[in-house]
């Protein structure tokens, strides 16, 4: 859309810091400011798209940053450990 964070701040009233957190994925999903931004950009966040394959979701999450990848890997390790423990009982 050719918008800058400054443009969005002016149009939505959402401050640059919050917009930056949205851009990098560091935000609360129930944020009023996120709702304002999505309204301005004409994005319907309250009706999520159809379910996406879990493997694809995990890959998308892990691809966001090195920290996200570490979290995804640790989550998988814990799930695998839990699976082993439950199969032994």
PDB file of N, CA and C in Angstrom:
ATOM      1  N   UNK A   1       0.818  -1.200   0.000  1.00  0.00           N
ATOM      2  CA  UNK A   1       0.000   0.000   0.000  1.00  0.00           C
ATOM      3  C   UNK A   1       0.857   1.257   0.000  1.00  0.00           C
ATOM      4  N   UNK A   2       2.157   1.100   0.165  1.00  0.00           N
ATOM      5  CA  UNK A   2       3.055   2.244   0.131  1.00  0.00           C
ATOM      6  C   UNK A   2       2.984   3.122   1.364  1.00  0.00           C
ATOM      7  N   UNK A   3       2.524   2.572   2.482  1.00  0.00           N
ATOM      8  CA  UNK A   3       2.398   3.355   3.713  1.00  0.00           C
ATOM      9  C   UNK A   3       3.624   3.167   4.592  1.00  0.00           C
ATOM     10  N   UNK A   4       3.974   4.220   5.300  1.00  0.00           N
ATOM     11  CA  UNK A   4       5.046   4.133   6.281  1.00  0.00           C
ATOM     12  C   UNK A   4       4.414   4.047   7.665  1.00  0.00           C
ATOM     13  N   UNK A   5       5.223   3.713   8.642  1.00  0.00           N
ATOM     14  CA  UNK A   5       4.726   3.686  10.020  1.00  0.00           C
ATOM     15  C   UNK A   5       4.220   5.074  10.405  1.00  0.00           C
ATOM     16  N   UNK A   6       4.896   6.103   9.935  1.00  0.00           N
ATOM     17  CA  UNK A   6       4.475   7.467  10.226  1.00  0.00           C
ATOM     18  C   UNK A   6       3.084   7.751   9.641  1.00  0.00           C
ATOM     19  N   UNK A   7       2.856   7.288   8.390  1.00  0.00           N
ATOM     20  CA  UNK A   7       1.533   7.454   7.769  1.00  0.00           C
ATOM     21  C   UNK A   7       0.460   6.751   8.587  1.00  0.00           C
ATOM     22  N   UNK A   8       0.748   5.521   8.989  1.00  0.00           N
ATOM     23  CA  UNK A   8      -0.234   4.750   9.756  1.00  0.00           C
ATOM     24  C   UNK A   8      -0.509   5.386  11.112  1.00  0.00           C
ATOM     25  N   UNK A   9       0.544   5.920  11.737  1.00  0.00           N
ATOM     26  CA  UNK A   9       0.358   6.595  13.024  1.00  0.00           C
ATOM     27  C   UNK A   9      -0.598   7.781  12.861  1.00  0.00           C
ATOM     28  N   UNK A  10      -0.375   8.544  11.826  1.00  0.00           N
ATOM     29  CA  UNK A  10      -1.210   9.717  11.563  1.00  0.00           C
ATOM     30  C   UNK A  10      -2.663   9.320  11.260  1.00  0.00           C
ATOM     31  N   UNK A  11      -2.851   8.295  10.456  1.00  0.00           N
ATOM     32  CA  UNK A  11      -4.196   7.897  10.017  1.00  0.00           C
ATOM     33  C   UNK A  11      -4.984   7.163  11.093  1.00  0.00           C
ATOM     34  N   UNK A  12      -4.283   6.381  11.952  1.00  0.00           N
ATOM     35  CA  UNK A  12      -4.988   5.533  12.918  1.00  0.00           C
ATOM     36  C   UNK A  12      -4.936   6.044  14.357  1.00  0.00           C
ATOM     37  N   UNK A  13      -3.960   6.899  14.657  1.00  0.00           N
ATOM     38  CA  UNK A  13      -3.786   7.343  16.035  1.00  0.00           C
ATOM     39  C   UNK A  13      -3.025   6.337  16.885  1.00  0.00           C
ATOM     40  N   UNK A  14      -2.540   5.265  16.285  1.00  0.00           N
ATOM     41  CA  UNK A  14      -1.753   4.254  16.987  1.00  0.00           C
ATOM     42  C   UNK A  14      -0.292   4.688  16.927  1.00  0.00           C
ATOM     43  N   UNK A  15       0.386   4.718  18.090  1.00  0.00           N
ATOM     44  CA  UNK A  15       1.756   5.245  18.103  1.00  0.00           C
ATOM     45  C   UNK A  15       2.745   4.324  17.394  1.00  0.00           C
ATOM     46  N   UNK A  16       3.849   4.904  16.992  1.00  0.00           N
ATOM     47  CA  UNK A  16       4.859   4.201  16.191  1.00  0.00           C
ATOM     48  C   UNK A  16       5.402   2.959  16.881  1.00  0.00           C
ATOM     49  N   UNK A  17       5.605   3.048  18.195  1.00  0.00           N
ATOM     50  CA  UNK A  17       6.125   1.898  18.933  1.00  0.00           C
ATOM     51  C   UNK A  17       5.191   0.702  18.825  1.00  0.00           C
ATOM     52  N   UNK A  18       3.892   0.955  18.990  1.00  0.00           N
ATOM     53  CA  UNK A  18       2.904  -0.121  18.887  1.00  0.00           C
ATOM     54  C   UNK A  18       2.854  -0.663  17.459  1.00  0.00           C
ATOM     55  N   UNK A  19       2.889   0.213  16.480  1.00  0.00           N
ATOM     56  CA  UNK A  19       2.889  -0.226  15.084  1.00  0.00           C
ATOM     57  C   UNK A  19       4.107  -1.093  14.792  1.00  0.00           C
ATOM     58  N   UNK A  20       5.245  -0.715  15.349  1.00  0.00           N
ATOM     59  CA  UNK A  20       6.463  -1.492  15.158  1.00  0.00           C
ATOM     60  C   UNK A  20       6.311  -2.882  15.777  1.00  0.00           C
ATOM     61  N   UNK A  21       5.680  -2.954  16.962  1.00  0.00           N
ATOM     62  CA  UNK A  21       5.452  -4.262  17.591  1.00  0.00           C
ATOM     63  C   UNK A  21       4.523  -5.125  16.739  1.00  0.00           C
ATOM     64  N   UNK A  22       3.515  -4.512  16.141  1.00  0.00           N
ATOM     65  CA  UNK A  22       2.633  -5.256  15.238  1.00  0.00           C
ATOM     66  C   UNK A  22       3.441  -5.804  14.062  1.00  0.00           C
ATOM     67  N   UNK A  23       4.303  -4.953  13.518  1.00  0.00           N
ATOM     68  CA  UNK A  23       5.079  -5.324  12.342  1.00  0.00           C
ATOM     69  C   UNK A  23       6.014  -6.499  12.627  1.00  0.00           C
ATOM     70  N   UNK A  24       6.541  -6.563  13.856  1.00  0.00           N
ATOM     71  CA  UNK A  24       7.490  -7.619  14.213  1.00  0.00           C
ATOM     72  C   UNK A  24       6.833  -8.794  14.924  1.00  0.00           C
ATOM     73  N   UNK A  25       5.513  -8.731  15.108  1.00  0.00           N
ATOM     74  CA  UNK A  25       4.808  -9.848  15.721  1.00  0.00           C
ATOM     75  C   UNK A  25       4.857  -9.871  17.235  1.00  0.00           C
ATOM     76  N   UNK A  26       5.243  -8.777  17.867  1.00  0.00           N
ATOM     77  CA  UNK A  26       5.338  -8.710  19.329  1.00  0.00           C
ATOM     78  C   UNK A  26       4.171  -7.900  19.873  1.00  0.00           C
ATOM     79  N   UNK A  27       2.982  -8.515  19.902  1.00  0.00           N
ATOM     80  CA  UNK A  27       1.795  -7.786  20.325  1.00  0.00           C
ATOM     81  C   UNK A  27       0.769  -8.729  20.930  1.00  0.00           C
ATOM     82  N   UNK A  28      -0.186  -8.151  21.633  1.00  0.00           N
ATOM     83  CA  UNK A  28      -1.308  -8.914  22.165  1.00  0.00           C
ATOM     84  C   UNK A  28      -2.382  -8.966  21.090  1.00  0.00           C
ATOM     85  N   UNK A  29      -2.953 -10.127  20.879  1.00  0.00           N
ATOM     86  CA  UNK A  29      -3.928 -10.266  19.807  1.00  0.00           C
ATOM     87  C   UNK A  29      -5.243  -9.556  20.100  1.00  0.00           C
ATOM     88  N   UNK A  30      -5.524  -9.272  21.355  1.00  0.00           N
ATOM     89  CA  UNK A  30      -6.799  -8.629  21.698  1.00  0.00           C
ATOM     90  C   UNK A  30      -6.641  -7.114  21.870  1.00  0.00           C
ATOM     91  N   UNK A  31      -5.676  -6.533  21.234  1.00  0.00           N
ATOM     92  CA  UNK A  31      -5.370  -5.119  21.377  1.00  0.00           C
ATOM     93  C   UNK A  31      -6.379  -4.227  20.649  1.00  0.00           C
ATOM     94  N   UNK A  32      -6.815  -3.186  21.317  1.00  0.00           N
ATOM     95  CA  UNK A  32      -7.698  -2.201  20.678  1.00  0.00           C
ATOM     96  C   UNK A  32      -6.974  -1.512  19.524  1.00  0.00           C
ATOM     97  N   UNK A  33      -5.673  -1.253  19.715  1.00  0.00           N
ATOM     98  CA  UNK A  33      -4.898  -0.613  18.648  1.00  0.00           C
ATOM     99  C   UNK A  33      -4.758  -1.517  17.426  1.00  0.00           C
ATOM    100  N   UNK A  34      -4.643  -2.818  17.641  1.00  0.00           N
ATOM    101  CA  UNK A  34      -4.592  -3.742  16.509  1.00  0.00           C
ATOM    102  C   UNK A  34      -5.916  -3.685  15.751  1.00  0.00           C
ATOM    103  N   UNK A  35      -6.999  -3.609  16.484  1.00  0.00           N
ATOM    104  CA  UNK A  35      -8.315  -3.503  15.854  1.00  0.00           C
ATOM    105  C   UNK A  35      -8.411  -2.217  15.020  1.00  0.00           C
ATOM    106  N   UNK A  36      -7.910  -1.096  15.564  1.00  0.00           N
ATOM    107  CA  UNK A  36      -7.918   0.179  14.817  1.00  0.00           C
ATOM    108  C   UNK A  36      -7.120   0.051  13.521  1.00  0.00           C
ATOM    109  N   UNK A  37      -5.935  -0.542  13.644  1.00  0.00           N
ATOM    110  CA  UNK A  37      -5.068  -0.689  12.473  1.00  0.00           C
ATOM    111  C   UNK A  37      -5.731  -1.573  11.421  1.00  0.00           C
ATOM    112  N   UNK A  38      -6.278  -2.683  11.858  1.00  0.00           N
ATOM    113  CA  UNK A  38      -6.926  -3.593  10.907  1.00  0.00           C
ATOM    114  C   UNK A  38      -8.142  -2.947  10.258  1.00  0.00           C
ATOM    115  N   UNK A  39      -8.888  -2.172  11.013  1.00  0.00           N
ATOM    116  CA  UNK A  39     -10.018  -1.455  10.421  1.00  0.00           C
ATOM    117  C   UNK A  39      -9.537  -0.510   9.328  1.00  0.00           C
ATOM    118  N   UNK A  40      -8.479   0.244   9.614  1.00  0.00           N
ATOM    119  CA  UNK A  40      -7.957   1.183   8.632  1.00  0.00           C
ATOM    120  C   UNK A  40      -7.470   0.458   7.369  1.00  0.00           C
ATOM    121  N   UNK A  41      -6.802  -0.690   7.571  1.00  0.00           N
ATOM    122  CA  UNK A  41      -6.250  -1.444   6.442  1.00  0.00           C
ATOM    123  C   UNK A  41      -7.281  -2.373   5.811  1.00  0.00           C
ATOM    124  N   UNK A  42      -8.492  -2.360   6.364  1.00  0.00           N
ATOM    125  CA  UNK A  42      -9.581  -3.191   5.826  1.00  0.00           C
ATOM    126  C   UNK A  42      -9.268  -4.678   5.938  1.00  0.00           C
ATOM    127  N   UNK A  43      -8.725  -5.073   7.104  1.00  0.00           N
ATOM    128  CA  UNK A  43      -8.398  -6.470   7.384  1.00  0.00           C
ATOM    129  C   UNK A  43      -9.346  -6.963   8.465  1.00  0.00           C
ATOM    130  N   UNK A  44     -10.018  -8.063   8.205  1.00  0.00           N
ATOM    131  CA  UNK A  44     -10.957  -8.630   9.164  1.00  0.00           C
ATOM    132  C   UNK A  44     -10.218  -9.648  10.031  1.00  0.00           C
ATOM    133  N   UNK A  45      -9.801  -9.218  11.226  1.00  0.00           N
ATOM    134  CA  UNK A  45      -9.053 -10.124  12.106  1.00  0.00           C
ATOM    135  C   UNK A  45      -9.969 -10.966  12.976  1.00  0.00           C
ATOM    136  N   UNK A  46     -11.223 -10.628  13.027  1.00  0.00           N
ATOM    137  CA  UNK A  46     -12.125 -11.338  13.939  1.00  0.00           C
ATOM    138  C   UNK A  46     -12.716 -12.576  13.297  1.00  0.00           C
ATOM    139  N   UNK A  47     -12.535 -12.753  12.027  1.00  0.00           N
ATOM    140  CA  UNK A  47     -12.951 -13.967  11.326  1.00  0.00           C
ATOM    141  C   UNK A  47     -11.722 -14.565  10.674  1.00  0.00           C
ATOM    142  N   UNK A  48     -10.987 -15.394  11.425  1.00  0.00           N
ATOM    143  CA  UNK A  48      -9.740 -15.926  10.882  1.00  0.00           C
ATOM    144  C   UNK A  48      -9.989 -16.797   9.651  1.00  0.00           C
ATOM    145  N   UNK A  49      -8.966 -16.936   8.821  1.00  0.00           N
ATOM    146  CA  UNK A  49      -9.110 -17.777   7.633  1.00  0.00           C
ATOM    147  C   UNK A  49      -9.305 -19.231   8.032  1.00  0.00           C
ATOM    148  N   UNK A  50      -9.656 -20.048   7.063  1.00  0.00           N
ATOM    149  CA  UNK A  50      -9.836 -21.472   7.320  1.00  0.00           C
ATOM    150  C   UNK A  50      -8.584 -22.045   7.950  1.00  0.00           C
ATOM    151  N   UNK A  51      -8.767 -23.148   8.646  1.00  0.00           N
ATOM    152  CA  UNK A  51      -7.636 -23.794   9.329  1.00  0.00           C
ATOM    153  C   UNK A  51      -6.511 -24.098   8.349  1.00  0.00           C
ATOM    154  N   UNK A  52      -5.302 -23.831   8.808  1.00  0.00           N
ATOM    155  CA  UNK A  52      -4.110 -24.104   8.018  1.00  0.00           C
ATOM    156  C   UNK A  52      -3.456 -25.349   8.597  1.00  0.00           C
ATOM    157  N   UNK A  53      -2.885 -26.162   7.755  1.00  0.00           N
ATOM    158  CA  UNK A  53      -2.179 -27.366   8.182  1.00  0.00           C
ATOM    159  C   UNK A  53      -1.244 -27.031   9.343  1.00  0.00           C
ATOM    160  N   UNK A  54      -1.254 -27.868  10.371  1.00  0.00           N
ATOM    161  CA  UNK A  54      -0.456 -27.618  11.568  1.00  0.00           C
ATOM    162  C   UNK A  54       1.037 -27.520  11.256  1.00  0.00           C
ATOM    163  N   UNK A  55       1.524 -28.388  10.366  1.00  0.00           N
ATOM    164  CA  UNK A  55       2.934 -28.325   9.985  1.00  0.00           C
ATOM    165  C   UNK A  55       3.283 -27.000   9.316  1.00  0.00           C
ATOM    166  N   UNK A  56       2.385 -26.534   8.482  1.00  0.00           N
ATOM    167  CA  UNK A  56       2.604 -25.250   7.812  1.00  0.00           C
ATOM    168  C   UNK A  56       2.600 -24.116   8.835  1.00  0.00           C
ATOM    169  N   UNK A  57       1.661 -24.175   9.791  1.00  0.00           N
ATOM    170  CA  UNK A  57       1.611 -23.144  10.839  1.00  0.00           C
ATOM    171  C   UNK A  57       2.898 -23.123  11.644  1.00  0.00           C
ATOM    172  N   UNK A  58       3.402 -24.314  11.998  1.00  0.00           N
ATOM    173  CA  UNK A  58       4.637 -24.398  12.765  1.00  0.00           C
ATOM    174  C   UNK A  58       5.805 -23.825  11.967  1.00  0.00           C
ATOM    175  N   UNK A  59       5.873 -24.154  10.678  1.00  0.00           N
ATOM    176  CA  UNK A  59       6.940 -23.605   9.837  1.00  0.00           C
ATOM    177  C   UNK A  59       6.848 -22.092   9.718  1.00  0.00           C
ATOM    178  N   UNK A  60       5.636 -21.566   9.569  1.00  0.00           N
ATOM    179  CA  UNK A  60       5.465 -20.115   9.494  1.00  0.00           C
ATOM    180  C   UNK A  60       5.913 -19.454  10.791  1.00  0.00           C
ATOM    181  N   UNK A  61       5.519 -20.052  11.921  1.00  0.00           N
ATOM    182  CA  UNK A  61       5.911 -19.513  13.224  1.00  0.00           C
ATOM    183  C   UNK A  61       7.426 -19.545  13.382  1.00  0.00           C
ATOM    184  N   UNK A  62       8.032 -20.696  13.089  1.00  0.00           N
ATOM    185  CA  UNK A  62       9.477 -20.851  13.254  1.00  0.00           C
ATOM    186  C   UNK A  62      10.258 -19.925  12.330  1.00  0.00           C
ATOM    187  N   UNK A  63       9.674 -19.551  11.208  1.00  0.00           N
ATOM    188  CA  UNK A  63      10.362 -18.700  10.253  1.00  0.00           C
ATOM    189  C   UNK A  63      10.366 -17.223  10.586  1.00  0.00           C
ATOM    190  N   UNK A  64       9.664 -16.835  11.642  1.00  0.00           N
ATOM    191  CA  UNK A  64       9.597 -15.408  11.988  1.00  0.00           C
ATOM    192  C   UNK A  64      10.915 -14.840  12.477  1.00  0.00           C
ATOM    193  N   UNK A  65      11.637 -15.628  13.257  1.00  0.00           N
ATOM    194  CA  UNK A  65      12.922 -15.164  13.792  1.00  0.00           C
ATOM    195  C   UNK A  65      13.647 -16.347  14.410  1.00  0.00           C
ATOM    196  N   UNK A  66      14.896 -16.132  14.784  1.00  0.00           N
ATOM    197  CA  UNK A  66      15.663 -17.188  15.448  1.00  0.00           C
ATOM    198  C   UNK A  66      15.001 -17.559  16.779  1.00  0.00           C
ATOM    199  N   UNK A  67      14.491 -16.579  17.473  1.00  0.00           N
ATOM    200  CA  UNK A  67      13.816 -16.842  18.756  1.00  0.00           C
ATOM    201  C   UNK A  67      12.568 -17.701  18.540  1.00  0.00           C
ATOM    202  N   UNK A  68      11.797 -17.386  17.514  1.00  0.00           N
ATOM    203  CA  UNK A  68      10.611 -18.187  17.211  1.00  0.00           C
ATOM    204  C   UNK A  68      11.005 -19.627  16.867  1.00  0.00           C
ATOM    205  N   UNK A  69      12.089 -19.782  16.117  1.00  0.00           N
ATOM    206  CA  UNK A  69      12.550 -21.126  15.761  1.00  0.00           C
ATOM    207  C   UNK A  69      12.947 -21.897  17.011  1.00  0.00           C
ATOM    208  N   UNK A  70      13.667 -21.253  17.916  1.00  0.00           N
ATOM    209  CA  UNK A  70      14.063 -21.905  19.167  1.00  0.00           C
ATOM    210  C   UNK A  70      12.834 -22.346  19.961  1.00  0.00           C
ATOM    211  N   UNK A  71      11.830 -21.480  20.023  1.00  0.00           N
ATOM    212  CA  UNK A  71      10.597 -21.807  20.749  1.00  0.00           C
ATOM    213  C   UNK A  71       9.895 -22.993  20.092  1.00  0.00           C
ATOM    214  N   UNK A  72       9.817 -22.994  18.770  1.00  0.00           N
ATOM    215  CA  UNK A  72       9.168 -24.094  18.050  1.00  0.00           C
ATOM    216  C   UNK A  72       9.912 -25.408  18.288  1.00  0.00           C
ATOM    217  N   UNK A  73      11.226 -25.364  18.240  1.00  0.00           N
ATOM    218  CA  UNK A  73      12.011 -26.581  18.467  1.00  0.00           C
ATOM    219  C   UNK A  73      11.834 -27.097  19.886  1.00  0.00           C
ATOM    220  N   UNK A  74      11.858 -26.211  20.864  1.00  0.00           N
ATOM    221  CA  UNK A  74      11.677 -26.620  22.260  1.00  0.00           C
ATOM    222  C   UNK A  74      10.273 -27.180  22.483  1.00  0.00           C
ATOM    223  N   UNK A  75       9.284 -26.571  21.861  1.00  0.00           N
ATOM    224  CA  UNK A  75       7.915 -27.072  21.966  1.00  0.00           C
ATOM    225  C   UNK A  75       7.822 -28.482  21.408  1.00  0.00           C
ATOM    226  N   UNK A  76       8.437 -28.729  20.261  1.00  0.00           N
ATOM    227  CA  UNK A  76       8.416 -30.067  19.665  1.00  0.00           C
ATOM    228  C   UNK A  76       9.132 -31.075  20.556  1.00  0.00           C
ATOM    229  N   UNK A  77      10.271 -30.673  21.145  1.00  0.00           N
ATOM    230  CA  UNK A  77      10.983 -31.578  22.058  1.00  0.00           C
ATOM    231  C   UNK A  77      10.095 -31.964  23.238  1.00  0.00           C
ATOM    232  N   UNK A  78       9.397 -30.976  23.795  1.00  0.00           N
ATOM    233  CA  UNK A  78       8.520 -31.253  24.932  1.00  0.00           C
ATOM    234  C   UNK A  78       7.348 -32.143  24.539  1.00  0.00           C
ATOM    235  N   UNK A  79       6.766 -31.910  23.365  1.00  0.00           N
ATOM    236  CA  UNK A  79       5.665 -32.757  22.897  1.00  0.00           C
ATOM    237  C   UNK A  79       6.128 -34.194  22.662  1.00  0.00           C
ATOM    238  N   UNK A  80       7.303 -34.345  22.089  1.00  0.00           N
ATOM    239  CA  UNK A  80       7.845 -35.686  21.862  1.00  0.00           C
ATOM    240  C   UNK A  80       8.131 -36.390  23.180  1.00  0.00           C
ATOM    241  N   UNK A  81       8.650 -35.661  24.145  1.00  0.00           N
ATOM    242  CA  UNK A  81       8.912 -36.231  25.473  1.00  0.00           C
ATOM    243  C   UNK A  81       7.602 -36.654  26.135  1.00  0.00           C
ATOM    244  N   UNK A  82       6.594 -35.819  26.040  1.00  0.00           N
ATOM    245  CA  UNK A  82       5.285 -36.139  26.601  1.00  0.00           C
ATOM    246  C   UNK A  82       4.691 -37.375  25.929  1.00  0.00           C
ATOM    247  N   UNK A  83       4.851 -37.458  24.617  1.00  0.00           N
ATOM    248  CA  UNK A  83       4.339 -38.618  23.882  1.00  0.00           C
ATOM    249  C   UNK A  83       5.009 -39.901  24.360  1.00  0.00           C
ATOM    250  N   UNK A  84       6.324 -39.852  24.567  1.00  0.00           N
ATOM    251  CA  UNK A  84       7.054 -41.025  25.069  1.00  0.00           C
ATOM    252  C   UNK A  84       6.556 -41.416  26.462  1.00  0.00           C
ATOM    253  N   UNK A  85       6.376 -40.435  27.313  1.00  0.00           N
ATOM    254  CA  UNK A  85       5.927 -40.711  28.685  1.00  0.00           C
ATOM    255  C   UNK A  85       4.535 -41.327  28.696  1.00  0.00           C
ATOM    256  N   UNK A  86       3.642 -40.838  27.855  1.00  0.00           N
ATOM    257  CA  UNK A  86       2.284 -41.371  27.852  1.00  0.00           C
ATOM    258  C   UNK A  86       2.221 -42.749  27.209  1.00  0.00           C
ATOM    259  N   UNK A  87       3.118 -43.039  26.267  1.00  0.00           N
ATOM    260  CA  UNK A  87       3.099 -44.353  25.635  1.00  0.00           C
ATOM    261  C   UNK A  87       3.708 -45.418  26.553  1.00  0.00           C
ATOM    262  N   UNK A  88       4.539 -44.993  27.495  1.00  0.00           N
ATOM    263  CA  UNK A  88       5.152 -45.924  28.441  1.00  0.00           C
ATOM    264  C   UNK A  88       4.160 -46.322  29.532  1.00  0.00           C
ATOM    265  N   UNK A  89       3.127 -45.531  29.755  1.00  0.00           N
ATOM    266  CA  UNK A  89       2.159 -45.815  30.838  1.00  0.00           C
ATOM    267  C   UNK A  89       1.012 -46.619  30.395  1.00  0.00           C
TER     268      UNK A  89
END
